[in-house]
Each structure stands twice: as C-alpha cells, then as structure tokens.
Amino acid sequence: MELELPAHGELLVHPPLLRALAGLIGPSFVFHHLHSDRHAPDIPGKAWHHDCEPNDLTDPSLLMVHALHYLGGLDEKVGSLAVLPGSHRNTAGKTAYAHRGTAELPGEVVIDRLPPGSTVLLNSALFHARRPAPDGPGRPRYFIDASYCQVGARWRPVKPYWRRMLARARELDLADGQWPELFAERHFTEYTGTV
C-alpha cells in the first residue's frame, strides 16, 4: 500500500497539512484514501469531474477535502489544474461536465504555476480538470492526492482494501497519537464497488 512508503506516510500526516485541514473542516476528520501517479508527458488531460464521495446521511454540509500534492510543481511543461469556483455548491454527479472534456468553462480559474512540492487543498465536490501541457509533451507530472472527511457521518470508501489500509496506518502509528479519528473505521460504510 502506498501509505507504507515512508515518504507517502509522512506526507499523509504532515503536521502543517493536518493543521490546515483542521482549520478548514474542524479538528475531527478521518483519512479517506491516498493515490499517487506519474502522468507521462504525452498523457491526455482528465475531463471535468469532482471527487466527492457520499456519506450515509447524504449531508452535503459535511466536507470532504482533497490535498493535491504536485511534487514537481505545475508549469507549461507538465500542464495545469483548472477549477470551477462555486461548483461545489451544486448537487451534480461526478462526471456531470465530463462531456466538455478539458475545455474552458465560464468562470474557471487555472492554476498553471506552482513550485515543486506545492499542495492545493480543495473541497472534493469542486469540479476540476487536469489539462495537458499546452505545447505538447513536456515532462512527467508526479502527483499524490489524499482525501480527508469531516466526521459526523459514515463515508463511502473507494478502495476495496480500505479496512486493511486504515489498520496498517494504525500499526505504523502514522497519527502519532495526536489525531484519534484519523484512521478510525467507524466513519465508513461498507465498500460496494465504484460508482
């Protein structure tokens, strides 16, 4: 599992990140999942989507936040991140705007300059798109995303091995005794597959 890699585990519980999350969603939140990837220079973008998973109360006021870590930064050689401010307030399926591909949408904001090691925090219900390098293949994009959920409901897991992942994080004591809810299983429903 990715969180067993020392650098991934450290990033997942990086104290400044957890403090920022506490400021956004309150002091009690749970880790949802971790994903890392190397996007090849010639990979197409990823169409408009959001990444929010439902909770068992169907309560949109409970927040899920994604931490998007850009290890090599963002620039004209790796592409950009486009976000649609305010779109998290609309109830819509994850791929409601996918038919637009990575095309420009009215009101979007493009993040195309980030230094290496930058992190973007966003409400997981916010629509966003990954755009490729504008002048053709440049260099790979190294990317890690981790998501965290406000406690108060049970969230749908996206990994079939979610229990094993949380148990392993507890075994490794990634929370260092400081974040009691961070790897607690009680904040999740059963895994039902991808939707």
N, C-alpha and C. Protein backbone atom coordinates (compact mmCIF):
# COMPACT_ATOMS: atom_id res chain seq x y z
N MET A 1 0.84 -1.18 0.00
CA MET A 1 0.00 0.00 0.00
C MET A 1 0.88 1.25 0.00
N GLU A 2 0.39 2.26 -0.66
CA GLU A 2 1.17 3.48 -0.80
C GLU A 2 1.54 4.13 0.54
N LEU A 3 0.64 4.07 1.51
CA LEU A 3 0.95 4.73 2.77
C LEU A 3 2.06 4.04 3.54
N GLU A 4 2.43 2.81 3.12
CA GLU A 4 3.55 2.12 3.75
C GLU A 4 4.90 2.68 3.28
N LEU A 5 4.91 3.35 2.14
CA LEU A 5 6.13 4.00 1.68
C LEU A 5 6.41 5.16 2.63
N PRO A 6 7.60 5.22 3.22
CA PRO A 6 7.84 6.24 4.25
C PRO A 6 7.46 7.66 3.83
N ALA A 7 7.86 8.08 2.65
CA ALA A 7 7.57 9.46 2.24
C ALA A 7 6.07 9.68 2.07
N HIS A 8 5.35 8.67 1.57
CA HIS A 8 3.90 8.80 1.42
C HIS A 8 3.23 8.91 2.78
N GLY A 9 3.62 8.03 3.71
CA GLY A 9 3.05 8.07 5.04
C GLY A 9 3.31 9.39 5.74
N GLU A 10 4.53 9.91 5.58
CA GLU A 10 4.87 11.19 6.20
C GLU A 10 4.06 12.33 5.59
N LEU A 11 3.88 12.30 4.28
CA LEU A 11 3.11 13.35 3.62
C LEU A 11 1.65 13.31 4.06
N LEU A 12 1.12 12.12 4.22
CA LEU A 12 -0.26 11.92 4.62
C LEU A 12 -0.58 12.61 5.96
N VAL A 13 0.39 12.61 6.87
CA VAL A 13 0.17 13.17 8.21
C VAL A 13 1.11 14.35 8.49
N HIS A 14 1.56 15.00 7.44
CA HIS A 14 2.46 16.15 7.59
C HIS A 14 1.78 17.18 8.51
N PRO A 15 2.40 17.54 9.64
CA PRO A 15 1.73 18.41 10.61
C PRO A 15 1.15 19.70 10.03
N PRO A 16 1.86 20.45 9.17
CA PRO A 16 1.23 21.66 8.63
C PRO A 16 -0.03 21.35 7.80
N LEU A 17 -0.03 20.22 7.10
CA LEU A 17 -1.21 19.82 6.33
C LEU A 17 -2.37 19.52 7.27
N LEU A 18 -2.13 18.74 8.30
CA LEU A 18 -3.21 18.39 9.22
C LEU A 18 -3.74 19.62 9.95
N ARG A 19 -2.86 20.54 10.28
CA ARG A 19 -3.33 21.79 10.92
C ARG A 19 -4.19 22.61 9.95
N ALA A 20 -3.78 22.65 8.69
CA ALA A 20 -4.59 23.37 7.69
C ALA A 20 -5.95 22.71 7.53
N LEU A 21 -5.97 21.38 7.48
CA LEU A 21 -7.24 20.67 7.37
C LEU A 21 -8.13 20.95 8.58
N ALA A 22 -7.55 20.94 9.76
CA ALA A 22 -8.33 21.23 10.98
C ALA A 22 -8.93 22.63 10.90
N GLY A 23 -8.21 23.56 10.31
CA GLY A 23 -8.74 24.91 10.15
C GLY A 23 -9.87 24.98 9.15
N LEU A 24 -9.88 24.07 8.19
CA LEU A 24 -10.92 24.07 7.15
C LEU A 24 -12.15 23.26 7.55
N ILE A 25 -11.94 22.07 8.14
CA ILE A 25 -13.07 21.18 8.38
C ILE A 25 -13.28 20.85 9.86
N GLY A 26 -12.51 21.46 10.72
CA GLY A 26 -12.64 21.20 12.14
C GLY A 26 -11.61 20.18 12.61
N PRO A 27 -11.48 20.03 13.91
CA PRO A 27 -10.41 19.21 14.47
C PRO A 27 -10.61 17.71 14.35
N SER A 28 -11.80 17.29 13.97
CA SER A 28 -12.09 15.86 13.92
C SER A 28 -12.39 15.45 12.48
N PHE A 29 -11.43 14.75 11.88
CA PHE A 29 -11.60 14.29 10.50
C PHE A 29 -10.91 12.94 10.33
N VAL A 30 -11.27 12.27 9.26
CA VAL A 30 -10.77 10.93 9.00
C VAL A 30 -10.12 10.88 7.62
N PHE A 31 -9.04 10.12 7.54
CA PHE A 31 -8.37 9.89 6.26
C PHE A 31 -9.26 9.00 5.40
N HIS A 32 -9.43 9.35 4.13
CA HIS A 32 -10.27 8.58 3.23
C HIS A 32 -9.47 7.70 2.28
N HIS A 33 -8.56 8.28 1.53
CA HIS A 33 -7.72 7.47 0.64
C HIS A 33 -6.49 8.24 0.18
N LEU A 34 -5.56 7.51 -0.38
CA LEU A 34 -4.32 8.06 -0.91
C LEU A 34 -4.08 7.45 -2.27
N HIS A 35 -3.64 8.27 -3.20
CA HIS A 35 -3.39 7.82 -4.56
C HIS A 35 -2.16 8.56 -5.07
N SER A 36 -1.27 7.85 -5.72
CA SER A 36 -0.13 8.53 -6.33
C SER A 36 0.04 8.03 -7.76
N ASP A 37 0.61 8.89 -8.59
CA ASP A 37 0.74 8.54 -10.00
C ASP A 37 1.85 9.36 -10.64
N ARG A 38 2.37 8.80 -11.70
CA ARG A 38 3.29 9.52 -12.58
C ARG A 38 2.57 9.63 -13.91
N HIS A 39 2.18 10.83 -14.26
CA HIS A 39 1.50 11.05 -15.54
C HIS A 39 2.56 11.27 -16.60
N ALA A 40 2.58 10.41 -17.60
CA ALA A 40 3.56 10.53 -18.69
C ALA A 40 3.35 11.84 -19.44
N PRO A 41 4.40 12.37 -20.06
CA PRO A 41 4.28 13.66 -20.76
C PRO A 41 3.22 13.69 -21.86
N ASP A 42 2.95 12.54 -22.47
CA ASP A 42 2.00 12.53 -23.59
C ASP A 42 0.59 12.11 -23.18
N ILE A 43 0.34 11.98 -21.89
CA ILE A 43 -0.99 11.56 -21.44
C ILE A 43 -1.99 12.70 -21.67
N PRO A 44 -3.20 12.37 -22.12
CA PRO A 44 -4.20 13.43 -22.29
C PRO A 44 -4.63 13.96 -20.92
N GLY A 45 -5.33 15.07 -20.93
CA GLY A 45 -5.84 15.62 -19.68
C GLY A 45 -6.93 14.74 -19.10
N LYS A 46 -7.45 15.13 -17.97
CA LYS A 46 -8.59 14.44 -17.37
C LYS A 46 -9.76 15.40 -17.37
N ALA A 47 -10.87 14.95 -17.93
CA ALA A 47 -12.06 15.79 -18.11
C ALA A 47 -12.57 16.33 -16.77
N TRP A 48 -13.41 17.35 -16.89
CA TRP A 48 -14.03 17.97 -15.72
C TRP A 48 -14.72 16.90 -14.87
N HIS A 49 -14.49 16.95 -13.57
CA HIS A 49 -15.07 15.98 -12.64
C HIS A 49 -14.95 16.54 -11.22
N HIS A 50 -15.62 15.88 -10.30
CA HIS A 50 -15.34 16.12 -8.89
C HIS A 50 -15.08 14.77 -8.25
N ASP A 51 -14.55 14.78 -7.05
CA ASP A 51 -14.11 13.55 -6.39
C ASP A 51 -14.84 13.26 -5.08
N CYS A 52 -15.93 13.94 -4.83
CA CYS A 52 -16.61 13.79 -3.55
C CYS A 52 -17.38 12.47 -3.49
N GLU A 53 -17.20 11.77 -2.42
CA GLU A 53 -17.95 10.54 -2.16
C GLU A 53 -19.10 10.88 -1.22
N PRO A 54 -20.22 10.19 -1.37
CA PRO A 54 -21.36 10.48 -0.49
C PRO A 54 -21.14 9.91 0.92
N ASN A 55 -21.88 10.48 1.85
CA ASN A 55 -21.90 9.91 3.20
C ASN A 55 -23.30 9.35 3.45
N ASP A 56 -23.42 8.53 4.47
CA ASP A 56 -24.69 7.82 4.70
C ASP A 56 -25.82 8.73 5.15
N LEU A 57 -25.53 9.96 5.49
CA LEU A 57 -26.59 10.92 5.83
C LEU A 57 -26.98 11.78 4.64
N THR A 58 -26.30 11.58 3.53
CA THR A 58 -26.44 12.44 2.34
C THR A 58 -26.45 13.91 2.74
N ASP A 59 -25.52 14.24 3.62
CA ASP A 59 -25.41 15.59 4.16
C ASP A 59 -24.29 16.34 3.45
N PRO A 60 -24.64 17.24 2.52
CA PRO A 60 -23.60 17.95 1.78
C PRO A 60 -22.84 18.98 2.62
N SER A 61 -23.34 19.26 3.83
CA SER A 61 -22.61 20.22 4.67
C SER A 61 -21.38 19.59 5.31
N LEU A 62 -21.34 18.25 5.34
CA LEU A 62 -20.14 17.57 5.83
C LEU A 62 -19.11 17.57 4.71
N LEU A 63 -17.92 18.01 5.01
CA LEU A 63 -16.92 18.24 3.97
C LEU A 63 -15.97 17.08 3.77
N MET A 64 -15.62 16.91 2.52
CA MET A 64 -14.52 16.05 2.11
C MET A 64 -13.54 16.98 1.41
N VAL A 65 -12.27 16.88 1.78
CA VAL A 65 -11.24 17.76 1.21
C VAL A 65 -10.14 16.91 0.59
N HIS A 66 -9.73 17.29 -0.59
CA HIS A 66 -8.59 16.64 -1.25
C HIS A 66 -7.35 17.52 -1.12
N ALA A 67 -6.25 16.89 -0.80
CA ALA A 67 -4.94 17.53 -0.82
C ALA A 67 -4.23 17.03 -2.07
N LEU A 68 -4.04 17.92 -3.02
CA LEU A 68 -3.38 17.56 -4.29
C LEU A 68 -1.93 18.02 -4.19
N HIS A 69 -1.04 17.07 -4.13
CA HIS A 69 0.39 17.35 -3.96
C HIS A 69 1.08 17.26 -5.32
N TYR A 70 1.67 18.35 -5.74
CA TYR A 70 2.39 18.41 -7.03
C TYR A 70 3.89 18.40 -6.74
N LEU A 71 4.46 17.20 -6.76
CA LEU A 71 5.85 17.04 -6.34
C LEU A 71 6.81 17.83 -7.22
N GLY A 72 6.53 17.89 -8.51
CA GLY A 72 7.38 18.64 -9.43
C GLY A 72 6.81 20.00 -9.78
N GLY A 73 5.75 20.40 -9.11
CA GLY A 73 5.10 21.67 -9.40
C GLY A 73 4.24 21.60 -10.65
N LEU A 74 3.75 22.74 -11.08
CA LEU A 74 2.98 22.87 -12.32
C LEU A 74 3.59 24.00 -13.13
N ASP A 75 3.71 23.77 -14.42
CA ASP A 75 4.19 24.80 -15.34
C ASP A 75 3.82 24.38 -16.76
N GLU A 76 4.29 25.13 -17.74
CA GLU A 76 3.93 24.86 -19.14
C GLU A 76 4.45 23.52 -19.63
N LYS A 77 5.37 22.89 -18.91
CA LYS A 77 5.92 21.60 -19.33
C LYS A 77 5.12 20.40 -18.82
N VAL A 78 4.32 20.61 -17.77
CA VAL A 78 3.55 19.49 -17.22
C VAL A 78 2.04 19.71 -17.30
N GLY A 79 1.60 20.91 -17.55
CA GLY A 79 0.17 21.18 -17.65
C GLY A 79 -0.34 21.95 -16.46
N SER A 80 -1.66 21.99 -16.34
CA SER A 80 -2.28 22.84 -15.33
C SER A 80 -3.48 22.16 -14.68
N LEU A 81 -3.96 22.80 -13.65
CA LEU A 81 -5.17 22.39 -12.95
C LEU A 81 -6.19 23.50 -13.14
N ALA A 82 -7.35 23.16 -13.68
CA ALA A 82 -8.44 24.13 -13.82
C ALA A 82 -9.50 23.80 -12.79
N VAL A 83 -10.00 24.81 -12.09
CA VAL A 83 -11.04 24.61 -11.08
C VAL A 83 -12.21 25.53 -11.41
N LEU A 84 -13.39 25.14 -10.99
CA LEU A 84 -14.60 25.92 -11.25
C LEU A 84 -15.16 26.41 -9.92
N PRO A 85 -14.75 27.62 -9.49
CA PRO A 85 -15.18 28.14 -8.19
C PRO A 85 -16.71 28.12 -8.04
N GLY A 86 -17.15 27.72 -6.86
CA GLY A 86 -18.58 27.69 -6.56
C GLY A 86 -19.29 26.43 -6.99
N SER A 87 -18.65 25.62 -7.83
CA SER A 87 -19.33 24.42 -8.35
C SER A 87 -19.60 23.39 -7.25
N HIS A 88 -18.91 23.48 -6.13
CA HIS A 88 -19.14 22.55 -5.03
C HIS A 88 -20.50 22.77 -4.37
N ARG A 89 -21.13 23.89 -4.66
CA ARG A 89 -22.44 24.19 -4.06
C ARG A 89 -23.60 23.53 -4.82
N ASN A 90 -23.33 23.03 -6.01
CA ASN A 90 -24.36 22.40 -6.83
C ASN A 90 -24.32 20.89 -6.65
N THR A 91 -25.49 20.29 -6.52
CA THR A 91 -25.55 18.84 -6.45
C THR A 91 -25.49 18.29 -7.86
N ALA A 92 -24.42 17.60 -8.17
CA ALA A 92 -24.24 17.06 -9.52
C ALA A 92 -23.39 15.80 -9.43
N GLY A 93 -23.61 14.90 -10.36
CA GLY A 93 -22.80 13.70 -10.44
C GLY A 93 -21.35 14.04 -10.72
N LYS A 94 -20.48 13.11 -10.39
CA LYS A 94 -19.04 13.34 -10.54
C LYS A 94 -18.63 13.73 -11.95
N THR A 95 -19.32 13.21 -12.94
CA THR A 95 -18.92 13.45 -14.33
C THR A 95 -19.92 14.33 -15.09
N ALA A 96 -20.67 15.15 -14.37
CA ALA A 96 -21.71 15.97 -15.00
C ALA A 96 -21.17 16.88 -16.10
N TYR A 97 -19.92 17.30 -16.00
CA TYR A 97 -19.33 18.18 -17.03
C TYR A 97 -18.30 17.45 -17.88
N ALA A 98 -18.21 16.15 -17.75
CA ALA A 98 -17.18 15.39 -18.48
C ALA A 98 -17.32 15.53 -19.99
N HIS A 99 -18.55 15.74 -20.47
CA HIS A 99 -18.76 15.90 -21.91
C HIS A 99 -18.02 17.11 -22.46
N ARG A 100 -17.59 18.01 -21.60
CA ARG A 100 -16.82 19.19 -22.02
C ARG A 100 -15.33 18.89 -22.10
N GLY A 101 -14.94 17.66 -21.76
CA GLY A 101 -13.52 17.32 -21.79
C GLY A 101 -12.75 18.21 -20.84
N THR A 102 -11.67 18.80 -21.33
CA THR A 102 -10.89 19.74 -20.52
C THR A 102 -11.06 21.17 -21.02
N ALA A 103 -12.11 21.39 -21.82
CA ALA A 103 -12.36 22.71 -22.41
C ALA A 103 -12.58 23.77 -21.34
N GLU A 104 -12.32 25.00 -21.72
CA GLU A 104 -12.52 26.13 -20.82
C GLU A 104 -14.01 26.27 -20.49
N LEU A 105 -14.30 26.51 -19.21
CA LEU A 105 -15.67 26.75 -18.76
C LEU A 105 -15.75 28.17 -18.21
N PRO A 106 -16.90 28.83 -18.39
CA PRO A 106 -17.05 30.20 -17.86
C PRO A 106 -16.80 30.23 -16.35
N GLY A 107 -16.00 31.17 -15.92
CA GLY A 107 -15.72 31.35 -14.50
C GLY A 107 -14.58 30.50 -13.95
N GLU A 108 -14.00 29.66 -14.76
CA GLU A 108 -12.93 28.79 -14.27
C GLU A 108 -11.71 29.60 -13.84
N VAL A 109 -10.91 28.99 -12.99
CA VAL A 109 -9.62 29.54 -12.58
C VAL A 109 -8.58 28.48 -12.92
N VAL A 110 -7.51 28.91 -13.57
CA VAL A 110 -6.45 27.99 -13.97
C VAL A 110 -5.24 28.19 -13.07
N ILE A 111 -4.77 27.09 -12.52
CA ILE A 111 -3.55 27.10 -11.72
C ILE A 111 -2.48 26.45 -12.58
N ASP A 112 -1.58 27.28 -13.10
CA ASP A 112 -0.58 26.76 -14.03
C ASP A 112 0.86 27.06 -13.62
N ARG A 113 1.03 27.63 -12.46
CA ARG A 113 2.38 27.92 -11.96
C ARG A 113 2.42 27.59 -10.46
N LEU A 114 3.03 26.48 -10.15
CA LEU A 114 3.25 26.10 -8.76
C LEU A 114 4.68 25.61 -8.63
N PRO A 115 5.39 26.02 -7.59
CA PRO A 115 6.74 25.49 -7.41
C PRO A 115 6.71 24.03 -6.97
N PRO A 116 7.79 23.30 -7.21
CA PRO A 116 7.84 21.90 -6.76
C PRO A 116 7.51 21.78 -5.28
N GLY A 117 6.75 20.74 -4.95
CA GLY A 117 6.37 20.50 -3.57
C GLY A 117 5.12 21.22 -3.13
N SER A 118 4.41 21.84 -4.05
CA SER A 118 3.20 22.58 -3.70
C SER A 118 2.02 21.65 -3.45
N THR A 119 1.12 22.10 -2.60
CA THR A 119 -0.11 21.37 -2.30
C THR A 119 -1.29 22.31 -2.51
N VAL A 120 -2.32 21.80 -3.17
CA VAL A 120 -3.57 22.52 -3.36
C VAL A 120 -4.63 21.79 -2.55
N LEU A 121 -5.33 22.50 -1.68
CA LEU A 121 -6.44 21.92 -0.93
C LEU A 121 -7.73 22.37 -1.59
N LEU A 122 -8.62 21.42 -1.86
CA LEU A 122 -9.90 21.81 -2.44
C LEU A 122 -11.03 20.97 -1.91
N ASN A 123 -12.19 21.59 -1.83
CA ASN A 123 -13.41 20.88 -1.48
C ASN A 123 -13.57 19.79 -2.54
N SER A 124 -13.73 18.56 -2.12
CA SER A 124 -13.77 17.44 -3.06
C SER A 124 -14.96 17.51 -4.01
N ALA A 125 -15.98 18.30 -3.68
CA ALA A 125 -17.13 18.46 -4.57
C ALA A 125 -16.91 19.53 -5.63
N LEU A 126 -15.76 20.18 -5.61
CA LEU A 126 -15.44 21.22 -6.59
C LEU A 126 -15.04 20.57 -7.92
N PHE A 127 -15.66 21.01 -9.00
CA PHE A 127 -15.30 20.48 -10.31
C PHE A 127 -13.92 21.01 -10.71
N HIS A 128 -13.12 20.10 -11.26
CA HIS A 128 -11.78 20.46 -11.69
C HIS A 128 -11.37 19.56 -12.87
N ALA A 129 -10.37 20.00 -13.59
CA ALA A 129 -9.87 19.25 -14.74
C ALA A 129 -8.35 19.32 -14.76
N ARG A 130 -7.75 18.24 -15.22
CA ARG A 130 -6.30 18.23 -15.42
C ARG A 130 -6.03 18.49 -16.89
N ARG A 131 -5.34 19.57 -17.16
CA ARG A 131 -5.03 19.92 -18.55
C ARG A 131 -3.60 19.52 -18.88
N PRO A 132 -3.40 19.02 -20.10
CA PRO A 132 -2.04 18.65 -20.51
C PRO A 132 -1.20 19.89 -20.79
N ALA A 133 0.09 19.68 -20.97
CA ALA A 133 0.99 20.78 -21.33
C ALA A 133 0.49 21.42 -22.62
N PRO A 134 0.42 22.75 -22.68
CA PRO A 134 -0.16 23.43 -23.84
C PRO A 134 0.63 23.27 -25.14
N ASP A 135 1.92 23.07 -25.04
CA ASP A 135 2.74 22.97 -26.25
C ASP A 135 3.16 21.54 -26.54
N GLY A 136 2.33 20.59 -26.17
CA GLY A 136 2.66 19.20 -26.42
C GLY A 136 3.46 18.60 -25.28
N PRO A 137 3.85 17.35 -25.45
CA PRO A 137 4.55 16.64 -24.37
C PRO A 137 5.74 17.42 -23.84
N GLY A 138 5.77 17.56 -22.53
CA GLY A 138 6.87 18.25 -21.86
C GLY A 138 7.63 17.29 -20.98
N ARG A 139 7.21 17.22 -19.71
CA ARG A 139 7.85 16.30 -18.78
C ARG A 139 6.78 15.65 -17.91
N PRO A 140 7.12 14.56 -17.24
CA PRO A 140 6.12 13.86 -16.43
C PRO A 140 5.60 14.73 -15.28
N ARG A 141 4.38 14.42 -14.89
CA ARG A 141 3.76 15.08 -13.73
C ARG A 141 3.72 14.04 -12.61
N TYR A 142 4.37 14.35 -11.51
CA TYR A 142 4.35 13.48 -10.34
C TYR A 142 3.31 14.03 -9.38
N PHE A 143 2.39 13.16 -8.99
CA PHE A 143 1.18 13.62 -8.33
C PHE A 143 0.80 12.66 -7.22
N ILE A 144 0.45 13.21 -6.08
CA ILE A 144 -0.11 12.43 -4.97
C ILE A 144 -1.36 13.16 -4.51
N ASP A 145 -2.45 12.42 -4.36
CA ASP A 145 -3.61 13.05 -3.74
C ASP A 145 -4.05 12.23 -2.54
N ALA A 146 -4.48 12.94 -1.54
CA ALA A 146 -5.00 12.31 -0.33
C ALA A 146 -6.30 13.03 0.01
N SER A 147 -7.26 12.28 0.51
CA SER A 147 -8.51 12.94 0.89
C SER A 147 -8.85 12.64 2.34
N TYR A 148 -9.57 13.59 2.91
CA TYR A 148 -9.92 13.56 4.32
C TYR A 148 -11.38 14.00 4.44
N CYS A 149 -12.10 13.40 5.39
CA CYS A 149 -13.53 13.67 5.55
C CYS A 149 -13.84 14.15 6.96
N GLN A 150 -14.74 15.09 7.03
CA GLN A 150 -15.24 15.57 8.31
C GLN A 150 -16.01 14.44 8.97
N VAL A 151 -15.83 14.24 10.27
CA VAL A 151 -16.61 13.20 10.95
C VAL A 151 -18.02 13.72 11.21
N GLY A 152 -18.93 12.79 11.45
CA GLY A 152 -20.33 13.15 11.68
C GLY A 152 -21.27 12.30 10.86
N ALA A 153 -20.71 11.53 9.95
CA ALA A 153 -21.47 10.58 9.13
C ALA A 153 -20.48 9.50 8.71
N ARG A 154 -21.00 8.47 8.06
CA ARG A 154 -20.12 7.41 7.54
C ARG A 154 -19.97 7.63 6.04
N TRP A 155 -18.75 7.59 5.57
CA TRP A 155 -18.41 7.88 4.18
C TRP A 155 -18.22 6.60 3.39
N ARG A 156 -18.55 6.67 2.11
CA ARG A 156 -18.37 5.51 1.24
C ARG A 156 -16.89 5.38 0.87
N PRO A 157 -16.28 4.21 1.13
CA PRO A 157 -14.88 4.02 0.75
C PRO A 157 -14.75 3.78 -0.76
N VAL A 158 -13.58 4.10 -1.31
CA VAL A 158 -13.35 3.90 -2.74
C VAL A 158 -12.35 2.78 -3.02
N LYS A 159 -11.73 2.26 -1.99
CA LYS A 159 -10.75 1.18 -2.15
C LYS A 159 -11.31 -0.08 -1.51
N PRO A 160 -11.27 -1.21 -2.22
CA PRO A 160 -11.80 -2.45 -1.63
C PRO A 160 -11.02 -2.89 -0.39
N TYR A 161 -9.79 -2.45 -0.27
CA TYR A 161 -8.94 -2.84 0.86
C TYR A 161 -8.87 -1.74 1.93
N TRP A 162 -9.92 -0.93 2.02
CA TRP A 162 -9.90 0.23 2.90
C TRP A 162 -9.64 -0.13 4.36
N ARG A 163 -10.22 -1.24 4.84
CA ARG A 163 -10.01 -1.63 6.24
C ARG A 163 -8.54 -1.96 6.49
N ARG A 164 -7.95 -2.71 5.57
CA ARG A 164 -6.54 -3.07 5.70
C ARG A 164 -5.66 -1.82 5.68
N MET A 165 -6.03 -0.86 4.84
CA MET A 165 -5.27 0.38 4.73
C MET A 165 -5.30 1.16 6.06
N LEU A 166 -6.49 1.30 6.63
CA LEU A 166 -6.61 2.02 7.90
C LEU A 166 -5.89 1.28 9.03
N ALA A 167 -6.03 -0.05 9.03
CA ALA A 167 -5.35 -0.85 10.06
C ALA A 167 -3.84 -0.70 9.95
N ARG A 168 -3.34 -0.71 8.74
CA ARG A 168 -1.89 -0.56 8.54
C ARG A 168 -1.42 0.83 9.00
N ALA A 169 -2.20 1.85 8.73
CA ALA A 169 -1.84 3.20 9.19
C ALA A 169 -1.79 3.24 10.71
N ARG A 170 -2.71 2.54 11.37
CA ARG A 170 -2.69 2.48 12.84
C ARG A 170 -1.47 1.70 13.32
N GLU A 171 -1.17 0.58 12.66
CA GLU A 171 0.01 -0.21 13.04
C GLU A 171 1.29 0.61 12.93
N LEU A 172 1.37 1.42 11.89
CA LEU A 172 2.55 2.26 11.69
C LEU A 172 2.54 3.50 12.58
N ASP A 173 1.45 3.69 13.31
CA ASP A 173 1.26 4.85 14.19
C ASP A 173 1.49 6.16 13.45
N LEU A 174 0.92 6.23 12.25
CA LEU A 174 1.10 7.44 11.45
C LEU A 174 0.52 8.67 12.13
N ALA A 175 -0.56 8.49 12.87
CA ALA A 175 -1.19 9.64 13.55
C ALA A 175 -0.42 10.06 14.79
N ASP A 176 0.54 9.26 15.21
CA ASP A 176 1.42 9.58 16.34
C ASP A 176 0.63 9.95 17.60
N GLY A 177 -0.54 9.33 17.75
CA GLY A 177 -1.36 9.57 18.93
C GLY A 177 -2.01 10.94 19.01
N GLN A 178 -1.87 11.75 17.97
CA GLN A 178 -2.36 13.12 18.03
C GLN A 178 -3.71 13.32 17.34
N TRP A 179 -4.09 12.43 16.47
CA TRP A 179 -5.32 12.60 15.68
C TRP A 179 -6.15 11.31 15.84
N PRO A 180 -6.91 11.19 16.93
CA PRO A 180 -7.56 9.92 17.26
C PRO A 180 -8.55 9.40 16.22
N GLU A 181 -9.16 10.26 15.45
CA GLU A 181 -10.15 9.79 14.47
C GLU A 181 -9.56 9.53 13.09
N LEU A 182 -8.32 9.89 12.87
CA LEU A 182 -7.74 9.91 11.53
C LEU A 182 -7.82 8.57 10.80
N PHE A 183 -7.67 7.46 11.51
CA PHE A 183 -7.70 6.15 10.84
C PHE A 183 -8.76 5.23 11.45
N ALA A 184 -9.84 5.82 11.95
CA ALA A 184 -10.91 5.05 12.59
C ALA A 184 -11.89 4.50 11.55
N GLU A 185 -12.13 3.19 11.61
CA GLU A 185 -13.01 2.52 10.64
C GLU A 185 -14.47 2.90 10.79
N ARG A 186 -14.88 3.33 11.97
CA ARG A 186 -16.30 3.59 12.23
C ARG A 186 -16.88 4.71 11.38
N HIS A 187 -16.03 5.45 10.68
CA HIS A 187 -16.50 6.57 9.87
C HIS A 187 -16.80 6.17 8.42
N PHE A 188 -16.89 4.86 8.16
CA PHE A 188 -17.10 4.39 6.79
C PHE A 188 -18.24 3.39 6.69
N THR A 189 -18.89 3.41 5.53
CA THR A 189 -19.87 2.38 5.20
C THR A 189 -19.10 1.19 4.63
N GLU A 190 -19.81 0.19 4.20
CA GLU A 190 -19.16 -0.95 3.54
C GLU A 190 -18.78 -0.56 2.11
N TYR A 191 -17.76 -1.19 1.60
CA TYR A 191 -17.35 -0.98 0.21
C TYR A 191 -18.36 -1.67 -0.70
N THR A 192 -18.86 -0.95 -1.69
CA THR A 192 -19.85 -1.52 -2.62
C THR A 192 -19.37 -1.49 -4.06
N GLY A 193 -18.12 -1.15 -4.26
CA GLY A 193 -17.60 -1.04 -5.62
C GLY A 193 -17.60 0.41 -6.06
N THR A 194 -17.06 0.64 -7.24
CA THR A 194 -17.01 2.00 -7.75
C THR A 194 -18.33 2.38 -8.39
N VAL A 195 -18.65 3.64 -8.29
CA VAL A 195 -19.91 4.15 -8.84
C VAL A 195 -19.60 5.08 -9.99
